[in-house]
């Protein structure tokens, strides 16, 4: 036990006397601090934007309420009569969906850093707006980086600098035999050195990431997510310790170990992601740049508007049998009635959806291919798992869009129930009263739980690679020259 304590003290003195180590840790905390600040600024902007939209919605509510009683002029009287009209309500006091940032959002960039945090929810869907996915480098060009970027890129560099000469320098100085006397075999000495360095790096990363959670503008994460985040951080550090263990076990000199470690870092950080992304893009090229969606939306609008009234109206009643009893023969006479408008928006959004789906087909397949391939790159796999925990991944964005879609269906049903209201066997437009404004459907934002199976599968891959590297290092370690 005394020998192990002496080895620990020797290692601490050895590490603390290296200026490069202190400089690297200094930059790690400085860059990490900036990453936390940058993420908090972006999160704060999102929260401010949400709060401003909420205030605007409250203002819309009061203006709508005022419209019921404002009869100061002939025009105002006309507006007061139509104040409760569902169409007027959908325009004047629209429903709002909020994508509230999760407490870990500021630590991991994702597609949600480019998409709106709020959106109006009308009774019809506007498919003209298309959101594009983003990647970390896109944010770096904007002068912003996140803490996950610091974790992914700087933790390996810290480990490489700390361990590359952990044995070779002692052998080059001729003092490895003294260490063996104190700590046992050279293999045991190496494992002890690696463990000490793993603890140092992990504690530094743990402190930095814990600070990021504590200072999150959107509050602390759940205990489960915080634990998974730290466990993923540990798994990533263990992965790089294992890779360095293999390199050191090749029994090369310090220069060989350093350059081999840097070569692994460059390959996993830049070259392999480039190959994976290009492979996915070449296999499934994107068509999104080939079409002006707003122009296509106008074209489809004109085409649907020019269709025969009966075709448009019948499409609505056929696909919304809930309102079949509201049908009347005058619906098919012209294009200036509620049934035609409902059918018009239904056909238009279906046509636009077909266009969007065809355009997204290449991107969706490319994303699926990329997600399958990143399993073979532990760095990209780790980044994906971090974004899952931060709720900034494409999967979480799609969950949010599905929530918006579900809420739109609720609002659409509420809207059509008013427009096609049946009273005494006759269809009539049921206007809203001022009291009913408070009872309108509202969007309830929620953060979906992380897919456990996906997370376990991903982190199992990291530990599998670590175990393979560790086993390989032990086998090669037998050839160590004392």
Protein backbone atom coordinates (compact mmCIF):
# COMPACT_ATOMS: atom_id res chain seq x y z
CA UNK A 1 0.00 0.00 0.00
CA UNK A 2 2.85 2.35 0.88
CA UNK A 3 4.48 1.68 -2.49
CA UNK A 4 1.26 2.53 -4.32
CA UNK A 5 0.93 5.80 -2.40
CA UNK A 6 4.52 6.65 -3.29
CA UNK A 7 3.76 5.89 -6.94
CA UNK A 8 0.70 8.13 -6.76
CA UNK A 9 2.72 10.99 -5.28
CA UNK A 10 5.43 10.50 -7.88
CA UNK A 11 2.86 10.63 -10.66
CA UNK A 12 1.29 13.79 -9.30
CA UNK A 13 4.68 15.52 -9.10
CA UNK A 14 5.55 14.25 -12.57
CA UNK A 15 2.31 15.58 -14.07
CA UNK A 16 2.31 18.88 -12.17
CA UNK A 17 5.83 19.71 -13.36
CA UNK A 18 4.82 19.63 -17.03
CA UNK A 19 3.99 23.18 -18.26
CA UNK A 20 2.21 21.78 -21.32
CA UNK A 21 -0.27 19.98 -19.09
CA UNK A 22 -1.14 23.13 -17.14
CA UNK A 23 -1.45 25.13 -20.34
CA UNK A 24 -3.77 22.53 -21.87
CA UNK A 25 -5.95 22.38 -18.76
CA UNK A 26 -6.04 26.18 -18.70
CA UNK A 27 -7.30 26.26 -22.28
CA UNK A 28 -9.73 23.45 -21.51
CA UNK A 29 -11.40 25.46 -18.74
CA UNK A 30 -11.24 28.75 -20.66
CA UNK A 31 -12.76 27.27 -23.82
CA UNK A 32 -15.20 25.22 -21.76
CA UNK A 33 -16.25 28.34 -19.87
CA UNK A 34 -16.80 30.20 -23.12
CA UNK A 35 -18.80 27.25 -24.47
CA UNK A 36 -21.06 27.37 -21.39
CA UNK A 37 -21.46 31.13 -21.73
CA UNK A 38 -22.18 30.83 -25.46
CA UNK A 39 -24.75 28.10 -24.89
CA UNK A 40 -26.42 30.10 -22.11
CA UNK A 41 -26.63 33.17 -24.33
CA UNK A 42 -28.38 31.17 -27.05
CA UNK A 43 -30.72 29.51 -24.54
CA UNK A 44 -31.54 32.89 -23.01
CA UNK A 45 -32.36 34.25 -26.47
CA UNK A 46 -34.75 31.34 -26.99
CA UNK A 47 -36.43 31.94 -23.63
CA UNK A 48 -36.72 35.67 -24.33
CA UNK A 49 -38.21 34.94 -27.76
CA UNK A 50 -40.77 32.59 -26.21
CA UNK A 51 -41.66 35.15 -23.54
CA UNK A 52 -42.08 37.90 -26.15
CA UNK A 53 -44.42 35.71 -28.19
CA UNK A 54 -46.41 34.88 -25.07
CA UNK A 55 -46.76 38.59 -24.28
CA UNK A 56 -47.84 39.18 -27.87
CA UNK A 57 -50.41 36.40 -27.52
CA UNK A 58 -51.77 38.03 -24.35
CA UNK A 59 -51.98 41.31 -26.27
CA UNK A 60 -53.87 39.52 -29.07
CA UNK A 61 -56.26 38.12 -26.46
CA UNK A 62 -57.07 41.56 -25.06
CA UNK A 63 -57.44 43.07 -28.54
CA UNK A 64 -59.77 40.24 -29.53
CA UNK A 65 -61.76 40.73 -26.35
CA UNK A 66 -61.97 44.46 -27.00
CA UNK A 67 -63.27 43.85 -30.53
CA UNK A 68 -66.49 42.37 -29.10
CA UNK A 69 -67.46 45.66 -27.47
CA UNK A 70 -65.79 48.33 -29.62
CA UNK A 71 -68.62 49.92 -31.65
CA UNK A 72 -67.26 53.45 -31.99
CA UNK A 73 -67.72 53.48 -35.76
CA UNK A 74 -69.62 51.65 -38.48
CA UNK A 75 -66.50 49.69 -39.33
CA UNK A 76 -65.95 48.81 -35.67
CA UNK A 77 -69.56 47.66 -35.37
CA UNK A 78 -69.06 45.32 -38.31
CA UNK A 79 -65.88 43.98 -36.71
CA UNK A 80 -67.71 43.50 -33.41
CA UNK A 81 -70.35 41.38 -35.14
CA UNK A 82 -67.62 39.16 -36.63
CA UNK A 83 -65.35 39.14 -33.56
CA UNK A 84 -66.42 35.62 -32.60
CA UNK A 85 -66.16 34.22 -36.12
CA UNK A 86 -63.82 31.17 -36.08
CA UNK A 87 -61.98 32.46 -39.16
CA UNK A 88 -61.40 35.83 -37.51
CA UNK A 89 -60.32 34.07 -34.32
CA UNK A 90 -57.84 31.86 -36.18
CA UNK A 91 -56.29 34.98 -37.69
CA UNK A 92 -56.56 37.51 -34.87
CA UNK A 93 -55.85 35.23 -31.90
CA UNK A 94 -53.89 32.27 -33.36
CA UNK A 95 -52.77 29.26 -31.36
CA UNK A 96 -49.04 29.22 -30.57
CA UNK A 97 -46.73 26.21 -30.18
CA UNK A 98 -43.63 26.59 -27.99
CA UNK A 99 -40.43 24.57 -28.25
CA UNK A 100 -39.13 25.30 -24.76
CA UNK A 101 -35.36 24.58 -24.50
CA UNK A 102 -34.41 21.68 -22.24
CA UNK A 103 -31.86 22.42 -19.45
CA UNK A 104 -29.13 20.57 -21.39
CA UNK A 105 -29.92 22.26 -24.72
CA UNK A 106 -27.22 24.92 -24.33
CA UNK A 107 -24.55 22.24 -23.88
CA UNK A 108 -25.14 20.43 -27.17
CA UNK A 109 -25.88 22.07 -30.52
CA UNK A 110 -28.41 20.44 -32.78
CA UNK A 111 -31.05 21.07 -35.38
CA UNK A 112 -33.09 23.04 -32.84
CA UNK A 113 -30.48 25.81 -32.85
CA UNK A 114 -31.66 26.69 -36.36
CA UNK A 115 -35.39 26.08 -36.10
CA UNK A 116 -37.93 28.55 -34.62
CA UNK A 117 -38.81 28.14 -30.94
CA UNK A 118 -42.39 29.25 -31.59
CA UNK A 119 -44.83 28.87 -34.46
CA UNK A 120 -48.40 29.79 -35.18
CA UNK A 121 -50.79 26.86 -35.40
CA UNK A 122 -53.67 27.49 -37.78
CA UNK A 123 -56.44 25.11 -38.79
CA UNK A 124 -54.46 24.25 -41.94
CA UNK A 125 -50.81 23.24 -42.46
CA UNK A 126 -48.28 25.41 -44.24
CA UNK A 127 -45.75 23.12 -45.92
CA UNK A 128 -43.87 25.92 -47.68
CA UNK A 129 -41.40 26.32 -44.80
CA UNK A 130 -38.73 23.61 -44.66
CA UNK A 131 -36.21 23.26 -41.84
CA UNK A 132 -32.69 22.10 -42.63
CA UNK A 133 -30.50 20.10 -40.30
CA UNK A 134 -27.20 21.52 -39.07
CA UNK A 135 -23.95 20.14 -37.73
CA UNK A 136 -21.39 21.41 -35.24
CA UNK A 137 -19.02 23.01 -37.82
CA UNK A 138 -21.88 25.21 -39.03
CA UNK A 139 -22.09 26.75 -35.58
CA UNK A 140 -18.31 27.11 -35.31
CA UNK A 141 -18.30 29.29 -38.40
CA UNK A 142 -20.73 31.57 -36.55
CA UNK A 143 -18.22 31.98 -33.71
CA UNK A 144 -20.10 29.75 -31.29
CA UNK A 145 -19.16 26.38 -29.87
CA UNK A 146 -20.89 24.14 -27.38
CA UNK A 147 -19.66 22.15 -24.41
CA UNK A 148 -20.13 18.86 -26.23
CA UNK A 149 -17.66 20.11 -28.84
CA UNK A 150 -15.19 20.80 -26.00
CA UNK A 151 -15.81 17.33 -24.58
CA UNK A 152 -15.39 15.56 -27.90
CA UNK A 153 -12.32 17.41 -29.13
CA UNK A 154 -10.35 18.47 -26.04
CA UNK A 155 -10.77 15.50 -23.69
CA UNK A 156 -8.90 13.21 -26.14
CA UNK A 157 -6.12 15.80 -26.47
CA UNK A 158 -5.82 16.05 -22.69
CA UNK A 159 -5.57 12.29 -22.41
CA UNK A 160 -3.04 11.98 -25.24
CA UNK A 161 -0.77 14.68 -23.77
CA UNK A 162 -1.00 13.15 -20.30
CA UNK A 163 -0.33 9.52 -21.24
CA UNK A 164 1.82 9.46 -24.38
CA UNK A 165 5.10 9.38 -22.42
CA UNK A 166 3.82 7.74 -19.25
CA UNK A 167 6.10 4.71 -19.72
CA UNK A 168 8.38 5.57 -22.63
CA UNK A 169 9.86 8.61 -20.86
CA UNK A 170 10.72 6.51 -17.79
CA UNK A 171 12.38 3.90 -19.99
CA UNK A 172 14.25 6.59 -21.90
CA UNK A 173 15.50 8.04 -18.61
CA UNK A 174 16.43 4.58 -17.34
CA UNK A 175 14.28 4.75 -14.21
CA UNK A 176 11.61 2.25 -15.22
CA UNK A 177 13.26 -0.40 -13.04
CA UNK A 178 12.76 1.82 -9.97
CA UNK A 179 9.08 2.18 -10.80
CA UNK A 180 8.78 -1.58 -11.19
CA UNK A 181 10.23 -2.07 -7.72
CA UNK A 182 7.65 0.34 -6.30
CA UNK A 183 4.62 -0.62 -8.34
CA UNK A 184 5.15 -4.20 -9.49
CA UNK A 185 5.39 -5.21 -13.15
CA UNK A 186 5.61 -2.62 -15.89
CA UNK A 187 2.07 -3.55 -16.89
CA UNK A 188 0.79 -2.75 -13.40
CA UNK A 189 2.72 0.51 -13.38
CA UNK A 190 1.22 1.48 -16.74
CA UNK A 191 -2.32 0.61 -15.66
CA UNK A 192 -1.84 2.62 -12.48
CA UNK A 193 -0.58 5.62 -14.44
CA UNK A 194 -3.49 5.40 -16.88
CA UNK A 195 -6.01 5.14 -14.05
CA UNK A 196 -4.58 8.23 -12.33
CA UNK A 197 -4.73 10.21 -15.57
CA UNK A 198 -8.25 9.00 -16.28
CA UNK A 199 -9.39 10.23 -12.87
CA UNK A 200 -7.72 13.63 -13.38
CA UNK A 201 -9.25 14.21 -16.81
CA UNK A 202 -12.68 12.93 -15.83
CA UNK A 203 -12.80 15.11 -12.71
CA UNK A 204 -11.87 18.18 -14.78
CA UNK A 205 -14.56 17.34 -17.36
CA UNK A 206 -17.05 16.51 -14.60
CA UNK A 207 -16.56 19.92 -12.96
CA UNK A 208 -16.92 21.75 -16.28
CA UNK A 209 -20.07 19.88 -17.32
CA UNK A 210 -21.60 20.20 -13.84
CA UNK A 211 -21.09 23.97 -14.02
CA UNK A 212 -22.84 23.96 -17.39
CA UNK A 213 -25.86 22.25 -15.82
CA UNK A 214 -25.92 24.47 -12.73
CA UNK A 215 -25.86 27.70 -14.74
CA UNK A 216 -28.40 26.61 -17.35
CA UNK A 217 -30.96 29.43 -17.86
CA UNK A 218 -33.75 26.89 -18.34
CA UNK A 219 -33.18 25.18 -14.99
CA UNK A 220 -31.50 21.94 -13.90
CA UNK A 221 -31.97 18.67 -15.81
CA UNK A 222 -33.56 15.60 -14.30
CA UNK A 223 -31.36 13.48 -12.05
CA UNK A 224 -31.57 10.60 -14.52
CA UNK A 225 -30.41 12.73 -17.46
CA UNK A 226 -27.58 14.25 -15.41
CA UNK A 227 -26.39 10.77 -14.42
CA UNK A 228 -26.54 9.51 -18.02
CA UNK A 229 -24.66 12.62 -19.19
CA UNK A 230 -21.83 12.06 -16.69
CA UNK A 231 -21.74 8.34 -17.41
CA UNK A 232 -21.46 9.06 -21.13
CA UNK A 233 -18.65 11.51 -20.33
CA UNK A 234 -16.85 8.78 -18.37
CA UNK A 235 -17.41 6.25 -21.15
CA UNK A 236 -15.86 8.61 -23.69
CA UNK A 237 -12.82 9.22 -21.47
CA UNK A 238 -12.40 5.46 -20.94
CA UNK A 239 -12.56 4.96 -24.70
CA UNK A 240 -9.60 7.29 -25.30
CA UNK A 241 -7.63 5.85 -22.40
CA UNK A 242 -8.12 2.42 -23.98
CA UNK A 243 -6.98 3.66 -27.39
CA UNK A 244 -3.89 5.21 -25.82
CA UNK A 245 -3.27 1.97 -23.92
CA UNK A 246 -3.06 0.13 -27.25
CA UNK A 247 -0.67 2.74 -28.66
CA UNK A 248 1.60 2.61 -25.60
CA UNK A 249 1.52 -1.19 -25.65
CA UNK A 250 3.19 -1.08 -29.08
CA UNK A 251 6.30 -0.21 -27.03
CA UNK A 252 7.33 2.75 -29.17
CA UNK A 253 9.16 5.86 -28.03
CA UNK A 254 7.45 9.04 -26.81
CA UNK A 255 7.46 10.70 -30.24
CA UNK A 256 5.85 7.63 -31.82
CA UNK A 257 3.15 7.51 -29.13
CA UNK A 258 2.36 11.22 -29.44
CA UNK A 259 2.10 11.28 -33.23
CA UNK A 260 0.14 8.01 -33.34
CA UNK A 261 -2.32 9.39 -30.79
CA UNK A 262 -2.71 12.62 -32.76
CA UNK A 263 -3.18 10.58 -35.94
CA UNK A 264 -6.01 8.62 -34.28
CA UNK A 265 -7.53 11.91 -33.11
CA UNK A 266 -7.45 13.46 -36.59
CA UNK A 267 -8.85 10.30 -38.16
CA UNK A 268 -11.79 9.93 -35.76
CA UNK A 269 -12.55 13.65 -35.49
CA UNK A 270 -12.27 14.75 -39.11
CA UNK A 271 -11.48 12.09 -41.69
CA UNK A 272 -13.94 9.35 -40.71
CA UNK A 273 -16.88 11.80 -40.23
CA UNK A 274 -16.08 13.28 -43.64
CA UNK A 275 -16.13 9.82 -45.23
CA UNK A 276 -19.40 8.90 -43.49
CA UNK A 277 -21.17 12.14 -44.44
CA UNK A 278 -19.97 12.03 -48.04
CA UNK A 279 -20.93 8.37 -48.37
CA UNK A 280 -24.47 9.11 -47.15
CA UNK A 281 -24.82 12.19 -49.39
CA UNK A 282 -23.48 10.48 -52.50
CA UNK A 283 -25.69 7.45 -51.96
CA UNK A 284 -28.78 9.60 -51.37
CA UNK A 285 -28.35 13.09 -52.92
CA UNK A 286 -30.63 15.88 -51.71
CA UNK A 287 -33.14 17.59 -54.02
CA UNK A 288 -34.12 20.37 -51.63
CA UNK A 289 -32.03 22.98 -53.43
CA UNK A 290 -33.65 22.25 -56.78
CA UNK A 291 -37.05 23.80 -56.03
CA UNK A 292 -38.43 27.09 -54.76
CA UNK A 293 -41.04 25.86 -52.28
CA UNK A 294 -42.84 29.18 -52.01
CA UNK A 295 -43.23 29.31 -55.78
CA UNK A 296 -44.44 25.70 -55.77
CA UNK A 297 -46.92 26.57 -53.02
CA UNK A 298 -48.36 29.40 -55.11
CA UNK A 299 -48.57 27.14 -58.15
CA UNK A 300 -50.47 24.45 -56.25
CA UNK A 301 -52.76 27.09 -54.73
CA UNK A 302 -53.71 28.33 -58.19
CA UNK A 303 -54.27 24.79 -59.46
CA UNK A 304 -56.55 23.82 -56.56
CA UNK A 305 -58.47 27.10 -56.71
CA UNK A 306 -59.19 26.47 -60.40
CA UNK A 307 -60.60 22.99 -59.73
CA UNK A 308 -64.33 22.33 -60.00
CA UNK A 309 -66.16 23.28 -56.82
CA UNK A 310 -67.84 19.89 -56.54
CA UNK A 311 -64.49 18.05 -56.62
CA UNK A 312 -63.04 20.28 -53.91
CA UNK A 313 -66.12 20.15 -51.68
CA UNK A 314 -66.57 16.39 -52.06
CA UNK A 315 -62.94 15.82 -51.06
CA UNK A 316 -63.60 17.58 -47.76
CA UNK A 317 -66.78 15.68 -46.85
CA UNK A 318 -65.23 12.40 -47.98
CA UNK A 319 -62.18 12.83 -45.75
CA UNK A 320 -64.03 14.45 -42.85
CA UNK A 321 -67.12 12.23 -42.44
CA UNK A 322 -67.69 13.83 -39.03
CA UNK A 323 -69.31 16.75 -40.90
CA UNK A 324 -71.20 14.77 -43.56
CA UNK A 325 -74.54 15.86 -42.09
CA UNK A 326 -73.57 19.50 -42.72
CA UNK A 327 -73.55 19.01 -46.51
CA UNK A 328 -75.85 21.22 -48.56
CA UNK A 329 -76.30 21.47 -52.30
CA UNK A 330 -75.25 25.13 -52.42
CA UNK A 331 -71.72 24.10 -51.34
CA UNK A 332 -70.88 23.07 -54.91
CA UNK A 333 -72.24 26.15 -56.68
CA UNK A 334 -69.18 28.37 -56.21
CA UNK A 335 -65.86 28.70 -54.40
CA UNK A 336 -67.04 31.22 -51.80
CA UNK A 337 -68.32 28.96 -49.04
CA UNK A 338 -66.93 27.20 -45.97
CA UNK A 339 -66.97 23.70 -47.48
CA UNK A 340 -64.95 24.85 -50.48
CA UNK A 341 -62.37 26.61 -48.30
CA UNK A 342 -62.01 23.52 -46.12
CA UNK A 343 -61.60 21.27 -49.16
CA UNK A 344 -59.22 23.77 -50.77
CA UNK A 345 -56.82 23.72 -47.82
CA UNK A 346 -57.12 19.95 -47.48
CA UNK A 347 -56.18 19.29 -51.12
CA UNK A 348 -53.49 21.95 -51.16
CA UNK A 349 -51.70 20.71 -48.07
CA UNK A 350 -51.87 17.11 -49.31
CA UNK A 351 -50.29 18.10 -52.62
CA UNK A 352 -47.61 20.15 -50.86
CA UNK A 353 -46.95 17.29 -48.44
CA UNK A 354 -46.38 14.95 -51.38
CA UNK A 355 -43.90 17.45 -52.86
CA UNK A 356 -42.09 17.89 -49.54
CA UNK A 357 -41.96 14.15 -48.91
CA UNK A 358 -40.42 13.55 -52.34
CA UNK A 359 -37.86 16.30 -51.75
CA UNK A 360 -37.00 15.03 -48.28
CA UNK A 361 -36.70 11.43 -49.45
CA UNK A 362 -33.02 11.80 -50.29
CA UNK A 363 -32.22 13.67 -47.08
CA UNK A 364 -34.14 11.22 -44.91
CA UNK A 365 -32.41 8.22 -46.47
CA UNK A 366 -29.05 10.00 -46.18
CA UNK A 367 -29.72 10.65 -42.48
CA UNK A 368 -30.69 7.03 -41.92
CA UNK A 369 -27.53 5.85 -43.68
CA UNK A 370 -25.40 8.29 -41.69
CA UNK A 371 -26.96 7.16 -38.40
CA UNK A 372 -26.19 3.56 -39.25
CA UNK A 373 -22.59 4.41 -40.16
CA UNK A 374 -21.80 6.60 -37.15
CA UNK A 375 -22.08 3.50 -34.99
CA UNK A 376 -18.64 2.66 -36.35
CA UNK A 377 -17.21 6.04 -35.30
CA UNK A 378 -17.22 6.34 -31.50
CA UNK A 379 -16.82 10.13 -31.68
CA UNK A 380 -19.92 10.72 -33.82
CA UNK A 381 -21.77 8.09 -31.84
CA UNK A 382 -20.96 9.93 -28.61
CA UNK A 383 -22.05 13.25 -30.08
CA UNK A 384 -25.35 11.69 -31.13
CA UNK A 385 -25.92 10.37 -27.61
CA UNK A 386 -25.16 13.79 -26.10
CA UNK A 387 -27.71 15.44 -28.41
CA UNK A 388 -30.28 12.82 -27.41
CA UNK A 389 -29.83 13.76 -23.76
CA UNK A 390 -29.87 17.48 -24.59
CA UNK A 391 -33.10 17.08 -26.62
CA UNK A 392 -31.48 18.75 -29.64
CA UNK A 393 -31.30 15.72 -31.91
CA UNK A 394 -33.33 15.26 -35.09
CA UNK A 395 -35.38 12.60 -33.30
CA UNK A 396 -36.45 15.09 -30.62
CA UNK A 397 -37.20 17.73 -33.24
CA UNK A 398 -39.45 15.27 -35.07
CA UNK A 399 -41.19 14.49 -31.76
CA UNK A 400 -41.85 18.20 -31.29
CA UNK A 401 -43.19 18.54 -34.84
CA UNK A 402 -45.46 15.55 -34.21
CA UNK A 403 -46.76 17.28 -31.06
CA UNK A 404 -47.50 20.37 -33.16
CA UNK A 405 -49.26 18.22 -35.75
CA UNK A 406 -51.38 16.54 -33.07
CA UNK A 407 -52.31 19.90 -31.59
CA UNK A 408 -53.20 21.27 -35.03
CA UNK A 409 -55.64 18.39 -35.44
CA UNK A 410 -57.21 19.30 -32.08
CA UNK A 411 -57.54 22.95 -33.09
CA UNK A 412 -58.78 22.00 -36.56
CA UNK A 413 -61.52 19.83 -35.05
CA UNK A 414 -62.50 22.63 -32.68
CA UNK A 415 -62.52 25.07 -35.61
CA UNK A 416 -64.60 22.89 -37.96
CA UNK A 417 -67.03 22.02 -35.17
CA UNK A 418 -67.81 25.74 -35.08
CA UNK A 419 -67.86 26.31 -38.83
CA UNK A 420 -70.06 23.27 -39.58
CA UNK A 421 -72.19 23.45 -36.43
CA UNK A 422 -75.60 21.78 -36.78
CA UNK A 423 -78.58 23.35 -35.02
CA UNK A 424 -82.09 22.00 -35.49
CA UNK A 425 -80.90 20.09 -38.56
CA UNK A 426 -79.43 23.17 -40.21
CA UNK A 427 -75.81 24.17 -40.62
CA UNK A 428 -74.88 27.43 -39.00
CA UNK A 429 -71.68 29.23 -38.11
CA UNK A 430 -71.26 29.01 -34.34
CA UNK A 431 -69.47 32.12 -33.14
CA UNK A 432 -67.40 32.24 -29.99
CA UNK A 433 -68.39 34.35 -27.02
CA UNK A 434 -65.90 36.48 -25.05
CA UNK A 435 -66.10 33.97 -22.19
CA UNK A 436 -65.10 31.11 -24.50
CA UNK A 437 -61.77 32.76 -25.38
CA UNK A 438 -60.27 31.44 -22.15
CA UNK A 439 -61.35 27.89 -23.01
CA UNK A 440 -59.66 27.70 -26.42
CA UNK A 441 -57.30 24.72 -26.90
CA UNK A 442 -53.70 25.54 -25.92
CA UNK A 443 -50.46 23.82 -26.86
CA UNK A 444 -48.76 21.98 -24.01
CA UNK A 445 -45.01 21.72 -24.50
CA UNK A 446 -43.36 18.57 -23.23
CA UNK A 447 -39.92 17.02 -23.39
CA UNK A 448 -39.98 13.40 -24.48
CA UNK A 449 -37.97 10.85 -22.57
CA UNK A 450 -34.76 9.60 -24.14
CA UNK A 451 -35.16 6.37 -26.07
CA UNK A 452 -33.50 3.97 -23.62
CA UNK A 453 -32.92 1.26 -26.22
CA UNK A 454 -31.18 3.70 -28.58
CA UNK A 455 -29.04 5.13 -25.77
CA UNK A 456 -28.06 1.74 -24.36
CA UNK A 457 -27.22 0.46 -27.84
CA UNK A 458 -25.03 3.49 -28.52
CA UNK A 459 -23.15 3.50 -25.23
CA UNK A 460 -22.69 -0.28 -25.40
CA UNK A 461 -20.80 0.28 -28.64
CA UNK A 462 -18.40 2.64 -26.83
CA UNK A 463 -17.72 0.14 -24.08
CA UNK A 464 -17.31 -2.69 -26.58
CA UNK A 465 -14.63 -0.73 -28.46
CA UNK A 466 -12.97 0.12 -25.13
CA UNK A 467 -12.93 -3.53 -24.07
CA UNK A 468 -11.49 -4.63 -27.41
CA UNK A 469 -8.74 -2.00 -27.18
CA UNK A 470 -8.03 -2.85 -23.55
CA UNK A 471 -7.82 -6.57 -24.30
CA UNK A 472 -5.58 -5.93 -27.29
CA UNK A 473 -3.37 -3.70 -25.16
CA UNK A 474 -3.02 -6.41 -22.51
CA UNK A 475 -2.02 -8.97 -25.13
CA UNK A 476 0.60 -6.66 -26.66
CA UNK A 477 1.71 -5.58 -23.20
CA UNK A 478 3.34 -8.97 -22.68
CA UNK A 479 6.06 -7.98 -25.16
CA UNK A 480 7.09 -4.95 -23.13
CA UNK A 481 10.82 -4.56 -22.75
CA UNK A 482 11.58 -3.96 -19.10
